[in-house]
C-alpha atoms as a PDB file:
ATOM      1  CA  MET A   1     -11.638  11.615  -6.767  1.00  0.00           C
ATOM      2  CA  ASP A   2     -14.053   9.345  -8.577  1.00  0.00           C
ATOM      3  CA  GLU A   3     -17.614   8.228  -6.409  1.00  0.00           C
ATOM      4  CA  GLU A   4     -16.214   4.679  -6.240  1.00  0.00           C
ATOM      5  CA  THR A   5     -12.781   5.499  -4.753  1.00  0.00           C
ATOM      6  CA  TYR A   6     -14.347   7.671  -2.228  1.00  0.00           C
ATOM      7  CA  GLY A   7     -16.770   5.132  -1.452  1.00  0.00           C
ATOM      8  CA  ARG A   8     -14.502   2.570  -0.399  1.00  0.00           C
ATOM      9  CA  ALA A   9     -12.449   5.023   1.488  1.00  0.00           C
ATOM     10  CA  VAL A  10     -15.666   5.914   3.263  1.00  0.00           C
ATOM     11  CA  ALA A  11     -16.219   2.138   3.931  1.00  0.00           C
ATOM     12  CA  VAL A  12     -12.786   1.235   5.282  1.00  0.00           C
ATOM     13  CA  LEU A  13     -12.825   4.236   7.679  1.00  0.00           C
ATOM     14  CA  ALA A  14     -16.037   3.368   8.842  1.00  0.00           C
ATOM     15  CA  ALA A  15     -14.831  -0.373   9.645  1.00  0.00           C
ATOM     16  CA  PHE A  16     -11.857   1.112  11.273  1.00  0.00           C
ATOM     17  CA  ARG A  17     -13.400   3.255  13.443  1.00  0.00           C
ATOM     18  CA  ALA A  18     -16.424   0.867  14.676  1.00  0.00           C
ATOM     19  CA  ARG A  19     -13.470  -1.496  16.066  1.00  0.00           C
ATOM     20  CA  GLY A  20     -11.024   1.537  17.479  1.00  0.00           C
ATOM     21  CA  LEU A  21      -8.432   1.077  14.925  1.00  0.00           C
ATOM     22  CA  THR A  22      -5.826   2.641  13.336  1.00  0.00           C
ATOM     23  CA  LEU A  23      -3.683   2.411  10.227  1.00  0.00           C
ATOM     24  CA  ALA A  24      -0.959   3.651   8.011  1.00  0.00           C
ATOM     25  CA  THR A  25       0.260   3.476   4.694  1.00  0.00           C
ATOM     26  CA  ALA A  26       3.643   2.537   2.833  1.00  0.00           C
ATOM     27  CA  GLU A  27       3.361   3.550  -1.163  1.00  0.00           C
ATOM     28  CA  SER A  28       5.940   3.184  -3.798  1.00  0.00           C
ATOM     29  CA  CYS A  29       4.031   3.345  -7.206  1.00  0.00           C
ATOM     30  CA  THR A  30       1.043   4.824  -5.950  1.00  0.00           C
ATOM     31  CA  GLY A  31       3.109   8.232  -4.496  1.00  0.00           C
ATOM     32  CA  GLY A  32       0.490   8.462  -1.620  1.00  0.00           C
ATOM     33  CA  LEU A  33      -2.574   7.861  -3.543  1.00  0.00           C
ATOM     34  CA  VAL A  34      -3.932   5.559  -1.011  1.00  0.00           C
ATOM     35  CA  ALA A  35      -3.568   8.170   2.004  1.00  0.00           C
ATOM     36  CA  GLY A  36      -4.660  10.867  -0.003  1.00  0.00           C
ATOM     37  CA  ALA A  37      -8.067   8.883  -0.813  1.00  0.00           C
ATOM     38  CA  LEU A  38      -8.380   8.027   2.615  1.00  0.00           C
ATOM     39  CA  THR A  39      -7.568  11.557   3.918  1.00  0.00           C
ATOM     40  CA  GLU A  40     -10.133  12.863   1.524  1.00  0.00           C
ATOM     41  CA  VAL A  41     -12.856  12.053   3.680  1.00  0.00           C
ATOM     42  CA  PRO A  42     -13.699  14.570   6.613  1.00  0.00           C
ATOM     43  CA  GLY A  43     -12.767  13.005  10.202  1.00  0.00           C
ATOM     44  CA  SER A  44     -10.393  10.578   8.812  1.00  0.00           C
ATOM     45  CA  SER A  45      -7.409  11.799  11.438  1.00  0.00           C
ATOM     46  CA  ASP A  46      -9.111   9.501  14.155  1.00  0.00           C
ATOM     47  CA  VAL A  47      -8.055   6.404  11.790  1.00  0.00           C
ATOM     48  CA  VAL A  48      -5.624   7.307   9.682  1.00  0.00           C
ATOM     49  CA  ASP A  49      -1.959   7.694  11.479  1.00  0.00           C
ATOM     50  CA  ARG A  50       0.290   8.496   8.540  1.00  0.00           C
ATOM     51  CA  GLY A  51       1.497   7.883   4.846  1.00  0.00           C
ATOM     52  CA  PHE A  52       5.108   6.639   4.049  1.00  0.00           C
ATOM     53  CA  VAL A  53       5.928   7.650   0.675  1.00  0.00           C
ATOM     54  CA  THR A  54       8.950   5.304  -0.083  1.00  0.00           C
ATOM     55  CA  TYR A  55       9.753   5.577  -4.308  1.00  0.00           C
ATOM     56  CA  SER A  56      13.410   5.172  -3.695  1.00  0.00           C
ATOM     57  CA  ASN A  57      15.058   1.892  -2.193  1.00  0.00           C
ATOM     58  CA  ALA A  58      16.867   4.281   0.217  1.00  0.00           C
ATOM     59  CA  ALA A  59      13.629   5.616   1.292  1.00  0.00           C
ATOM     60  CA  LYS A  60      12.355   1.872   1.630  1.00  0.00           C
ATOM     61  CA  MET A  61      15.500   1.103   4.003  1.00  0.00           C
ATOM     62  CA  VAL A  62      15.414   4.237   6.057  1.00  0.00           C
ATOM     63  CA  MET A  63      11.553   4.922   6.397  1.00  0.00           C
ATOM     64  CA  LEU A  64      10.360   1.469   6.809  1.00  0.00           C
ATOM     65  CA  GLY A  65      13.317  -1.008   7.707  1.00  0.00           C
ATOM     66  CA  VAL A  66      13.387  -2.915   4.451  1.00  0.00           C
ATOM     67  CA  PRO A  67      16.820  -5.204   4.766  1.00  0.00           C
ATOM     68  CA  GLU A  68      19.116  -4.182   1.936  1.00  0.00           C
ATOM     69  CA  ALA A  69      19.411  -8.136   1.257  1.00  0.00           C
ATOM     70  CA  THR A  70      15.613  -8.061   0.683  1.00  0.00           C
ATOM     71  CA  LEU A  71      16.134  -5.453  -2.137  1.00  0.00           C
ATOM     72  CA  SER A  72      19.325  -6.727  -3.754  1.00  0.00           C
ATOM     73  CA  ALA A  73      17.667 -10.351  -3.870  1.00  0.00           C
ATOM     74  CA  HIS A  74      14.262  -9.721  -4.811  1.00  0.00           C
ATOM     75  CA  GLY A  75      13.936  -6.284  -6.227  1.00  0.00           C
ATOM     76  CA  ALA A  76      11.854  -3.192  -5.073  1.00  0.00           C
ATOM     77  CA  VAL A  77       8.760  -4.795  -6.992  1.00  0.00           C
ATOM     78  CA  SER A  78       8.446  -8.347  -5.126  1.00  0.00           C
ATOM     79  CA  GLU A  79       6.325 -10.018  -2.627  1.00  0.00           C
ATOM     80  CA  GLU A  80       8.902  -9.646  -0.155  1.00  0.00           C
ATOM     81  CA  THR A  81       9.676  -6.122  -0.334  1.00  0.00           C
ATOM     82  CA  ALA A  82       5.767  -5.197  -0.087  1.00  0.00           C
ATOM     83  CA  ARG A  83       5.331  -7.855   3.101  1.00  0.00           C
ATOM     84  CA  ALA A  84       8.535  -5.924   4.653  1.00  0.00           C
ATOM     85  CA  MET A  85       7.161  -2.874   3.716  1.00  0.00           C
ATOM     86  CA  ALA A  86       4.355  -3.330   5.589  1.00  0.00           C
ATOM     87  CA  LYS A  87       5.371  -4.645   8.272  1.00  0.00           C
ATOM     88  CA  GLY A  88       8.037  -1.740   8.688  1.00  0.00           C
ATOM     89  CA  ALA A  89       5.082   0.506   8.474  1.00  0.00           C
ATOM     90  CA  LEU A  90       3.332  -1.033  11.043  1.00  0.00           C
ATOM     91  CA  GLU A  91       5.971  -0.888  13.655  1.00  0.00           C
ATOM     92  CA  ALA A  92       7.059   2.622  12.880  1.00  0.00           C
ATOM     93  CA  ALA A  93       3.619   4.024  13.256  1.00  0.00           C
ATOM     94  CA  GLY A  94       2.556   1.500  15.907  1.00  0.00           C
ATOM     95  CA  VAL A  95      -1.191   1.225  14.199  1.00  0.00           C
ATOM     96  CA  ASP A  96      -3.179  -1.725  14.133  1.00  0.00           C
ATOM     97  CA  ALA A  97      -3.006  -2.244  10.155  1.00  0.00           C
ATOM     98  CA  ALA A  98      -0.504  -1.211   7.536  1.00  0.00           C
ATOM     99  CA  VAL A  99      -1.034  -1.628   3.789  1.00  0.00           C
ATOM    100  CA  ALA A 100       2.056  -1.280   1.445  1.00  0.00           C
ATOM    101  CA  ILE A 101       2.037  -1.176  -2.516  1.00  0.00           C
ATOM    102  CA  THR A 102       5.129  -1.546  -4.710  1.00  0.00           C
ATOM    103  CA  GLY A 103       4.758  -2.052  -8.506  1.00  0.00           C
ATOM    104  CA  ILE A 104       5.683  -1.030 -11.701  1.00  0.00           C
ATOM    105  CA  ALA A 105       3.478   1.800 -13.186  1.00  0.00           C
ATOM    106  CA  GLY A 106       4.903   2.604 -16.530  1.00  0.00           C
ATOM    107  CA  PRO A 107       4.977   3.356 -19.064  1.00  0.00           C
ATOM    108  CA  GLY A 108       8.466   2.095 -18.987  1.00  0.00           C
ATOM    109  CA  GLY A 109      11.021   0.169 -16.308  1.00  0.00           C
ATOM    110  CA  GLY A 110       9.254  -3.158 -16.843  1.00  0.00           C
ATOM    111  CA  SER A 111      10.804  -6.661 -18.128  1.00  0.00           C
ATOM    112  CA  ALA A 112      10.105  -9.757 -19.134  1.00  0.00           C
ATOM    113  CA  GLN A 113      10.121 -10.916 -15.181  1.00  0.00           C
ATOM    114  CA  LYS A 114       8.545  -7.974 -13.787  1.00  0.00           C
ATOM    115  CA  PRO A 115       6.262  -6.403 -16.877  1.00  0.00           C
ATOM    116  CA  VAL A 116       4.747  -2.895 -16.638  1.00  0.00           C
ATOM    117  CA  GLY A 117       1.271  -3.408 -14.502  1.00  0.00           C
ATOM    118  CA  LEU A 118       3.064  -5.553 -12.083  1.00  0.00           C
ATOM    119  CA  VAL A 119       1.896  -4.610  -8.724  1.00  0.00           C
ATOM    120  CA  HIS A 120       2.462  -6.206  -4.966  1.00  0.00           C
ATOM    121  CA  PHE A 121       0.528  -5.300  -2.286  1.00  0.00           C
ATOM    122  CA  ALA A 122       0.884  -6.338   1.542  1.00  0.00           C
ATOM    123  CA  CYS A 123      -1.323  -5.685   4.270  1.00  0.00           C
ATOM    124  CA  ALA A 124       0.070  -6.292   7.824  1.00  0.00           C
ATOM    125  CA  ARG A 125      -1.713  -6.347  11.115  1.00  0.00           C
ATOM    126  CA  LYS A 126      -1.065  -5.727  14.946  1.00  0.00           C
ATOM    127  CA  ASP A 127      -1.482  -9.686  15.427  1.00  0.00           C
ATOM    128  CA  GLY A 128       1.223 -10.646  13.007  1.00  0.00           C
ATOM    129  CA  THR A 129      -0.628 -11.878   9.929  1.00  0.00           C
ATOM    130  CA  VAL A 130       0.519 -10.560   6.849  1.00  0.00           C
ATOM    131  CA  GLU A 131      -1.661 -10.900   3.614  1.00  0.00           C
ATOM    132  CA  HIS A 132      -0.069 -10.672   0.047  1.00  0.00           C
ATOM    133  CA  ARG A 133      -1.676 -10.130  -3.114  1.00  0.00           C
ATOM    134  CA  GLU A 134       0.344  -9.869  -6.830  1.00  0.00           C
ATOM    135  CA  LYS A 135      -1.905  -8.072  -9.409  1.00  0.00           C
ATOM    136  CA  ARG A 136      -0.908  -7.881 -13.481  1.00  0.00           C
ATOM    137  CA  PHE A 137      -2.892  -5.034 -14.579  1.00  0.00           C
ATOM    138  CA  GLY A 138      -1.139  -5.067 -17.929  1.00  0.00           C
ATOM    139  CA  GLU A 139      -0.161  -1.902 -19.751  1.00  0.00           C
ATOM    140  CA  VAL A 140      -3.189  -0.142 -19.521  1.00  0.00           C
ATOM    141  CA  GLY A 141      -1.673   3.141 -18.684  1.00  0.00           C
ATOM    142  CA  ARG A 142       0.065   4.986 -15.641  1.00  0.00           C
ATOM    143  CA  GLY A 143      -3.188   6.503 -14.367  1.00  0.00           C
ATOM    144  CA  GLU A 144      -5.164   3.338 -14.553  1.00  0.00           C
ATOM    145  CA  ILE A 145      -2.648   1.253 -13.008  1.00  0.00           C
ATOM    146  CA  ARG A 146      -2.127   3.489 -10.003  1.00  0.00           C
ATOM    147  CA  GLN A 147      -5.876   3.827  -9.698  1.00  0.00           C
ATOM    148  CA  LEU A 148      -6.648   0.144  -9.872  1.00  0.00           C
ATOM    149  CA  SER A 149      -3.806  -0.128  -6.933  1.00  0.00           C
ATOM    150  CA  VAL A 150      -5.472   2.473  -5.002  1.00  0.00           C
ATOM    151  CA  LEU A 151      -8.716   0.426  -4.967  1.00  0.00           C
ATOM    152  CA  GLU A 152      -6.922  -2.789  -4.418  1.00  0.00           C
ATOM    153  CA  ALA A 153      -5.169  -1.254  -1.212  1.00  0.00           C
ATOM    154  CA  LEU A 154      -8.591  -0.190   0.171  1.00  0.00           C
ATOM    155  CA  ASP A 155      -9.924  -3.557  -0.379  1.00  0.00           C
ATOM    156  CA  LEU A 156      -7.203  -5.251   1.733  1.00  0.00           C
ATOM    157  CA  LEU A 157      -7.411  -2.637   4.270  1.00  0.00           C
ATOM    158  CA  ALA A 158     -11.332  -3.400   4.654  1.00  0.00           C
ATOM    159  CA  ARG A 159     -10.289  -6.879   5.077  1.00  0.00           C
ATOM    160  CA  ALA A 160      -7.818  -6.429   7.805  1.00  0.00           C
ATOM    161  CA  ALA A 161     -10.839  -4.363   9.813  1.00  0.00           C
ATOM    162  CA  SER A 162     -13.249  -7.151   9.004  1.00  0.00           C
END
């Protein structure tokens, strides 16, 4: 893991720990990389409760309770789905905050409306607030899109702890 990612993961864990908070992740295009970054840090188990890798729509529905109607109307890569994933992870895990990521890492799978590099993020908090971000990283390569997504998710978590 690169130093920047590790440093951000350490900072997120310290911020959550200082406030006695816990977190969960709900990941699609990153396939568990956010949870992996956080759990790379020794002692992370007092903050990280669990991670959901929900690559398929079926997994999003079964594991996170994302409504089929949301997926049908807006698609897996959408603000609505990211928000539903974050809320579902928050409820399923019973944590203080949950971050969700869904996007198109490529190299294929994009369209004019939803190009490769489009990623939606959401962070749900126990107080009911949900923050959403949309990023268009462009066709910079699958690995780079996934790495940039991890950094964005860690940034959202840092904000949730503050």
